[in-house]
C-alpha atoms as a PDB file:
ATOM      1  CA  UNK A   1       6.360 -15.065 -32.405  1.00  0.00           C
ATOM      2  CA  UNK A   2       4.366 -12.071 -33.648  1.00  0.00           C
ATOM      3  CA  UNK A   3       1.139 -13.702 -32.429  1.00  0.00           C
ATOM      4  CA  UNK A   4       2.655 -14.207 -28.971  1.00  0.00           C
ATOM      5  CA  UNK A   5       3.717 -10.538 -28.835  1.00  0.00           C
ATOM      6  CA  UNK A   6       0.250  -9.420 -29.935  1.00  0.00           C
ATOM      7  CA  UNK A   7      -1.480 -11.576 -27.314  1.00  0.00           C
ATOM      8  CA  UNK A   8       0.899 -10.329 -24.614  1.00  0.00           C
ATOM      9  CA  UNK A   9       0.253  -6.719 -25.657  1.00  0.00           C
ATOM     10  CA  UNK A  10      -3.529  -7.091 -25.600  1.00  0.00           C
ATOM     11  CA  UNK A  11      -3.412  -8.913 -22.262  1.00  0.00           C
ATOM     12  CA  UNK A  12      -1.218  -6.156 -20.790  1.00  0.00           C
ATOM     13  CA  UNK A  13      -3.548  -3.412 -21.965  1.00  0.00           C
ATOM     14  CA  UNK A  14      -6.665  -5.231 -20.717  1.00  0.00           C
ATOM     15  CA  UNK A  15      -5.163  -5.964 -17.313  1.00  0.00           C
ATOM     16  CA  UNK A  16      -4.094  -2.316 -17.027  1.00  0.00           C
ATOM     17  CA  UNK A  17      -7.654  -1.152 -17.620  1.00  0.00           C
ATOM     18  CA  UNK A  18      -9.224  -3.762 -15.307  1.00  0.00           C
ATOM     19  CA  UNK A  19      -6.754  -3.144 -12.494  1.00  0.00           C
ATOM     20  CA  UNK A  20      -7.095   0.634 -12.609  1.00  0.00           C
ATOM     21  CA  UNK A  21      -3.476   1.203 -13.631  1.00  0.00           C
ATOM     22  CA  UNK A  22      -4.515   2.928 -16.875  1.00  0.00           C
ATOM     23  CA  UNK A  23      -6.729   5.589 -15.210  1.00  0.00           C
ATOM     24  CA  UNK A  24      -3.996   6.223 -12.642  1.00  0.00           C
ATOM     25  CA  UNK A  25      -1.407   6.661 -15.406  1.00  0.00           C
ATOM     26  CA  UNK A  26      -3.376   9.569 -16.862  1.00  0.00           C
ATOM     27  CA  UNK A  27      -2.712  11.702 -13.754  1.00  0.00           C
ATOM     28  CA  UNK A  28       0.257  10.072 -12.059  1.00  0.00           C
ATOM     29  CA  UNK A  29       2.871   9.173 -14.668  1.00  0.00           C
ATOM     30  CA  UNK A  30       6.322   9.071 -13.104  1.00  0.00           C
ATOM     31  CA  UNK A  31       8.281  11.862 -14.727  1.00  0.00           C
ATOM     32  CA  UNK A  32      11.261  11.650 -12.389  1.00  0.00           C
ATOM     33  CA  UNK A  33      13.111   9.239 -10.156  1.00  0.00           C
ATOM     34  CA  UNK A  34      12.301   8.993  -6.422  1.00  0.00           C
ATOM     35  CA  UNK A  35      14.262  11.411  -4.286  1.00  0.00           C
ATOM     36  CA  UNK A  36      15.093  11.794  -0.635  1.00  0.00           C
ATOM     37  CA  UNK A  37      15.098   8.815   1.677  1.00  0.00           C
ATOM     38  CA  UNK A  38      13.582   5.810  -0.109  1.00  0.00           C
ATOM     39  CA  UNK A  39      12.621   2.251   0.748  1.00  0.00           C
ATOM     40  CA  UNK A  40      11.844  -0.316  -1.916  1.00  0.00           C
ATOM     41  CA  UNK A  41      10.234  -3.732  -2.096  1.00  0.00           C
ATOM     42  CA  UNK A  42       9.622  -6.152  -4.895  1.00  0.00           C
ATOM     43  CA  UNK A  43       9.148  -7.264  -7.450  1.00  0.00           C
ATOM     44  CA  UNK A  44      10.032 -10.771  -6.318  1.00  0.00           C
ATOM     45  CA  UNK A  45       8.571 -12.502  -3.266  1.00  0.00           C
ATOM     46  CA  UNK A  46       5.757  -9.981  -2.856  1.00  0.00           C
ATOM     47  CA  UNK A  47       2.161 -10.077  -3.958  1.00  0.00           C
ATOM     48  CA  UNK A  48       0.348  -6.971  -5.117  1.00  0.00           C
ATOM     49  CA  UNK A  49      -3.322  -7.008  -6.035  1.00  0.00           C
ATOM     50  CA  UNK A  50      -5.122  -4.126  -7.713  1.00  0.00           C
ATOM     51  CA  UNK A  51      -8.869  -4.604  -8.052  1.00  0.00           C
ATOM     52  CA  UNK A  52      -9.252  -7.989  -9.769  1.00  0.00           C
ATOM     53  CA  UNK A  53      -5.704  -8.263 -11.086  1.00  0.00           C
ATOM     54  CA  UNK A  54      -2.951 -10.115  -9.266  1.00  0.00           C
ATOM     55  CA  UNK A  55       0.489  -8.624  -9.881  1.00  0.00           C
ATOM     56  CA  UNK A  56       2.466 -11.120  -7.813  1.00  0.00           C
ATOM     57  CA  UNK A  57       6.236 -10.948  -8.434  1.00  0.00           C
ATOM     58  CA  UNK A  58       6.036  -8.331 -11.212  1.00  0.00           C
ATOM     59  CA  UNK A  59       5.548  -5.002  -9.387  1.00  0.00           C
ATOM     60  CA  UNK A  60       8.231  -2.951  -7.658  1.00  0.00           C
ATOM     61  CA  UNK A  61       7.183  -0.294  -5.148  1.00  0.00           C
ATOM     62  CA  UNK A  62       9.419   2.494  -3.866  1.00  0.00           C
ATOM     63  CA  UNK A  63       8.238   4.630  -0.947  1.00  0.00           C
ATOM     64  CA  UNK A  64       9.891   8.053  -1.063  1.00  0.00           C
ATOM     65  CA  UNK A  65       9.423  11.177   1.030  1.00  0.00           C
ATOM     66  CA  UNK A  66       7.079  12.806  -1.466  1.00  0.00           C
ATOM     67  CA  UNK A  67       5.263   9.901  -3.099  1.00  0.00           C
ATOM     68  CA  UNK A  68       4.987   6.215  -3.759  1.00  0.00           C
ATOM     69  CA  UNK A  69       6.506   4.995  -7.035  1.00  0.00           C
ATOM     70  CA  UNK A  70       5.065   1.866  -8.669  1.00  0.00           C
ATOM     71  CA  UNK A  71       6.548   0.125 -11.699  1.00  0.00           C
ATOM     72  CA  UNK A  72       6.258  -3.165 -13.562  1.00  0.00           C
ATOM     73  CA  UNK A  73       8.995  -5.456 -14.802  1.00  0.00           C
ATOM     74  CA  UNK A  74      10.305  -4.119 -18.107  1.00  0.00           C
ATOM     75  CA  UNK A  75       8.946  -6.980 -20.258  1.00  0.00           C
ATOM     76  CA  UNK A  76       5.398  -6.459 -18.952  1.00  0.00           C
ATOM     77  CA  UNK A  77       5.394  -2.664 -18.990  1.00  0.00           C
ATOM     78  CA  UNK A  78       3.122  -2.234 -22.038  1.00  0.00           C
ATOM     79  CA  UNK A  79      -0.027  -0.620 -20.677  1.00  0.00           C
ATOM     80  CA  UNK A  80       1.654  -0.163 -17.296  1.00  0.00           C
ATOM     81  CA  UNK A  81       3.828   2.969 -17.325  1.00  0.00           C
ATOM     82  CA  UNK A  82       5.652   3.774 -14.072  1.00  0.00           C
ATOM     83  CA  UNK A  83       3.484   5.682 -11.590  1.00  0.00           C
ATOM     84  CA  UNK A  84       4.304   8.380  -9.042  1.00  0.00           C
ATOM     85  CA  UNK A  85       1.419   8.933  -6.629  1.00  0.00           C
ATOM     86  CA  UNK A  86       1.787  11.653  -3.968  1.00  0.00           C
ATOM     87  CA  UNK A  87       1.068  10.593  -0.381  1.00  0.00           C
ATOM     88  CA  UNK A  88      -1.789  13.098  -0.151  1.00  0.00           C
ATOM     89  CA  UNK A  89      -3.575  11.095  -2.885  1.00  0.00           C
ATOM     90  CA  UNK A  90      -3.305   7.805  -0.938  1.00  0.00           C
ATOM     91  CA  UNK A  91      -5.593   6.508   1.802  1.00  0.00           C
ATOM     92  CA  UNK A  92      -4.121   3.742   3.952  1.00  0.00           C
ATOM     93  CA  UNK A  93      -6.185   1.112   5.742  1.00  0.00           C
ATOM     94  CA  UNK A  94      -5.805  -2.451   6.898  1.00  0.00           C
ATOM     95  CA  UNK A  95      -7.736  -5.569   6.007  1.00  0.00           C
ATOM     96  CA  UNK A  96      -7.807  -9.167   7.097  1.00  0.00           C
ATOM     97  CA  UNK A  97      -8.633 -12.200   4.992  1.00  0.00           C
ATOM     98  CA  UNK A  98      -8.798 -15.453   6.919  1.00  0.00           C
ATOM     99  CA  UNK A  99      -5.597 -15.404   9.002  1.00  0.00           C
ATOM    100  CA  UNK A 100      -3.588 -13.023   6.804  1.00  0.00           C
ATOM    101  CA  UNK A 101      -3.372  -9.286   7.358  1.00  0.00           C
ATOM    102  CA  UNK A 102      -3.036  -6.837   4.487  1.00  0.00           C
ATOM    103  CA  UNK A 103      -2.580  -3.134   3.963  1.00  0.00           C
ATOM    104  CA  UNK A 104      -4.868  -1.510   1.424  1.00  0.00           C
ATOM    105  CA  UNK A 105      -3.666   1.614  -0.327  1.00  0.00           C
ATOM    106  CA  UNK A 106      -6.511   3.434  -2.062  1.00  0.00           C
ATOM    107  CA  UNK A 107      -4.738   5.259  -4.881  1.00  0.00           C
ATOM    108  CA  UNK A 108      -5.989   8.567  -6.245  1.00  0.00           C
ATOM    109  CA  UNK A 109      -8.670  10.788  -4.754  1.00  0.00           C
ATOM    110  CA  UNK A 110     -10.631  10.645  -8.025  1.00  0.00           C
ATOM    111  CA  UNK A 111      -9.767   7.128  -9.249  1.00  0.00           C
ATOM    112  CA  UNK A 112      -9.962   5.334  -5.866  1.00  0.00           C
ATOM    113  CA  UNK A 113      -8.090   2.231  -7.026  1.00  0.00           C
ATOM    114  CA  UNK A 114      -7.487  -0.250  -4.191  1.00  0.00           C
ATOM    115  CA  UNK A 115      -4.052  -1.842  -4.079  1.00  0.00           C
ATOM    116  CA  UNK A 116      -3.622  -4.629  -1.537  1.00  0.00           C
ATOM    117  CA  UNK A 117      -0.141  -5.513  -0.313  1.00  0.00           C
ATOM    118  CA  UNK A 118       1.075  -7.780   2.455  1.00  0.00           C
ATOM    119  CA  UNK A 119       1.731  -6.366   5.890  1.00  0.00           C
ATOM    120  CA  UNK A 120       5.368  -7.465   5.503  1.00  0.00           C
ATOM    121  CA  UNK A 121       5.752  -5.446   2.305  1.00  0.00           C
ATOM    122  CA  UNK A 122       4.121  -2.412   3.943  1.00  0.00           C
ATOM    123  CA  UNK A 123       6.495  -2.731   6.909  1.00  0.00           C
ATOM    124  CA  UNK A 124       9.548  -2.948   4.612  1.00  0.00           C
ATOM    125  CA  UNK A 125       8.363   0.162   2.753  1.00  0.00           C
ATOM    126  CA  UNK A 126       7.741   2.098   5.976  1.00  0.00           C
ATOM    127  CA  UNK A 127       4.058   2.487   5.137  1.00  0.00           C
ATOM    128  CA  UNK A 128       2.941   1.200   8.544  1.00  0.00           C
ATOM    129  CA  UNK A 129       4.743   4.199  10.075  1.00  0.00           C
ATOM    130  CA  UNK A 130       2.386   6.481   8.144  1.00  0.00           C
ATOM    131  CA  UNK A 131      -0.735   4.998   9.758  1.00  0.00           C
ATOM    132  CA  UNK A 132      -1.670   6.997  12.853  1.00  0.00           C
ATOM    133  CA  UNK A 133      -1.189   4.915  16.021  1.00  0.00           C
ATOM    134  CA  UNK A 134      -0.217   1.825  14.027  1.00  0.00           C
ATOM    135  CA  UNK A 135       1.390  -0.738  16.224  1.00  0.00           C
ATOM    136  CA  UNK A 136       0.912   1.360  19.356  1.00  0.00           C
ATOM    137  CA  UNK A 137      -1.101  -0.438  21.974  1.00  0.00           C
ATOM    138  CA  UNK A 138      -2.735   1.483  24.785  1.00  0.00           C
ATOM    139  CA  UNK A 139      -0.859   1.180  28.070  1.00  0.00           C
ATOM    140  CA  UNK A 140      -1.863  -1.744  30.194  1.00  0.00           C
ATOM    141  CA  UNK A 141      -4.108  -0.802  33.109  1.00  0.00           C
ATOM    142  CA  UNK A 142      -2.713  -1.127  36.587  1.00  0.00           C
ATOM    143  CA  UNK A 143      -5.728  -2.054  38.698  1.00  0.00           C
ATOM    144  CA  UNK A 144      -3.816  -1.464  41.930  1.00  0.00           C
ATOM    145  CA  UNK A 145      -3.721   2.280  41.300  1.00  0.00           C
ATOM    146  CA  UNK A 146      -7.345   2.660  40.195  1.00  0.00           C
ATOM    147  CA  UNK A 147      -9.991   4.029  42.511  1.00  0.00           C
ATOM    148  CA  UNK A 148     -12.943   1.914  43.658  1.00  0.00           C
ATOM    149  CA  UNK A 149     -15.239   4.868  43.054  1.00  0.00           C
ATOM    150  CA  UNK A 150     -16.496   6.042  39.690  1.00  0.00           C
ATOM    151  CA  UNK A 151     -16.974   9.498  41.158  1.00  0.00           C
ATOM    152  CA  UNK A 152     -13.307  10.040  41.973  1.00  0.00           C
ATOM    153  CA  UNK A 153     -11.460   7.995  39.372  1.00  0.00           C
ATOM    154  CA  UNK A 154      -8.221   9.983  39.566  1.00  0.00           C
ATOM    155  CA  UNK A 155      -7.465   9.343  43.222  1.00  0.00           C
ATOM    156  CA  UNK A 156      -5.228   6.416  44.032  1.00  0.00           C
ATOM    157  CA  UNK A 157      -6.274   3.551  46.265  1.00  0.00           C
ATOM    158  CA  UNK A 158      -4.683   3.555  49.718  1.00  0.00           C
ATOM    159  CA  UNK A 159      -2.173   0.734  50.145  1.00  0.00           C
END
């Protein structure tokens, strides 16, 4: 049993370093609970990938007004203290792999740790609302009201 605990501890510490969790924990340790309006997702039924480490079904994310809070399941928390990363320290982008769409959160201005989550998880957390013009398509052109001339594009066509 002691050997199992030792192996689990070493694996937790190594994965924390490889994933970028450890460098993030130096600046962004969660010292308080989320406040204000919050939305949470996970840990179950969601996949979270940080660098080369897959944290499927073990990470819980809470999006609050001031920051994003990230924590591991209690049994796997060694080397993974809860994080509180302010929104100003997060860059949000989207990515596509084969037919699946993801949202990539680059955590920390200095650390720049990529965390990839599913679009569904990002939607449930309200993160997609933070992306400028996300989900807003330009209005469809009405060719009946466009001018035939490039010189006077604002005039309407006579009917």
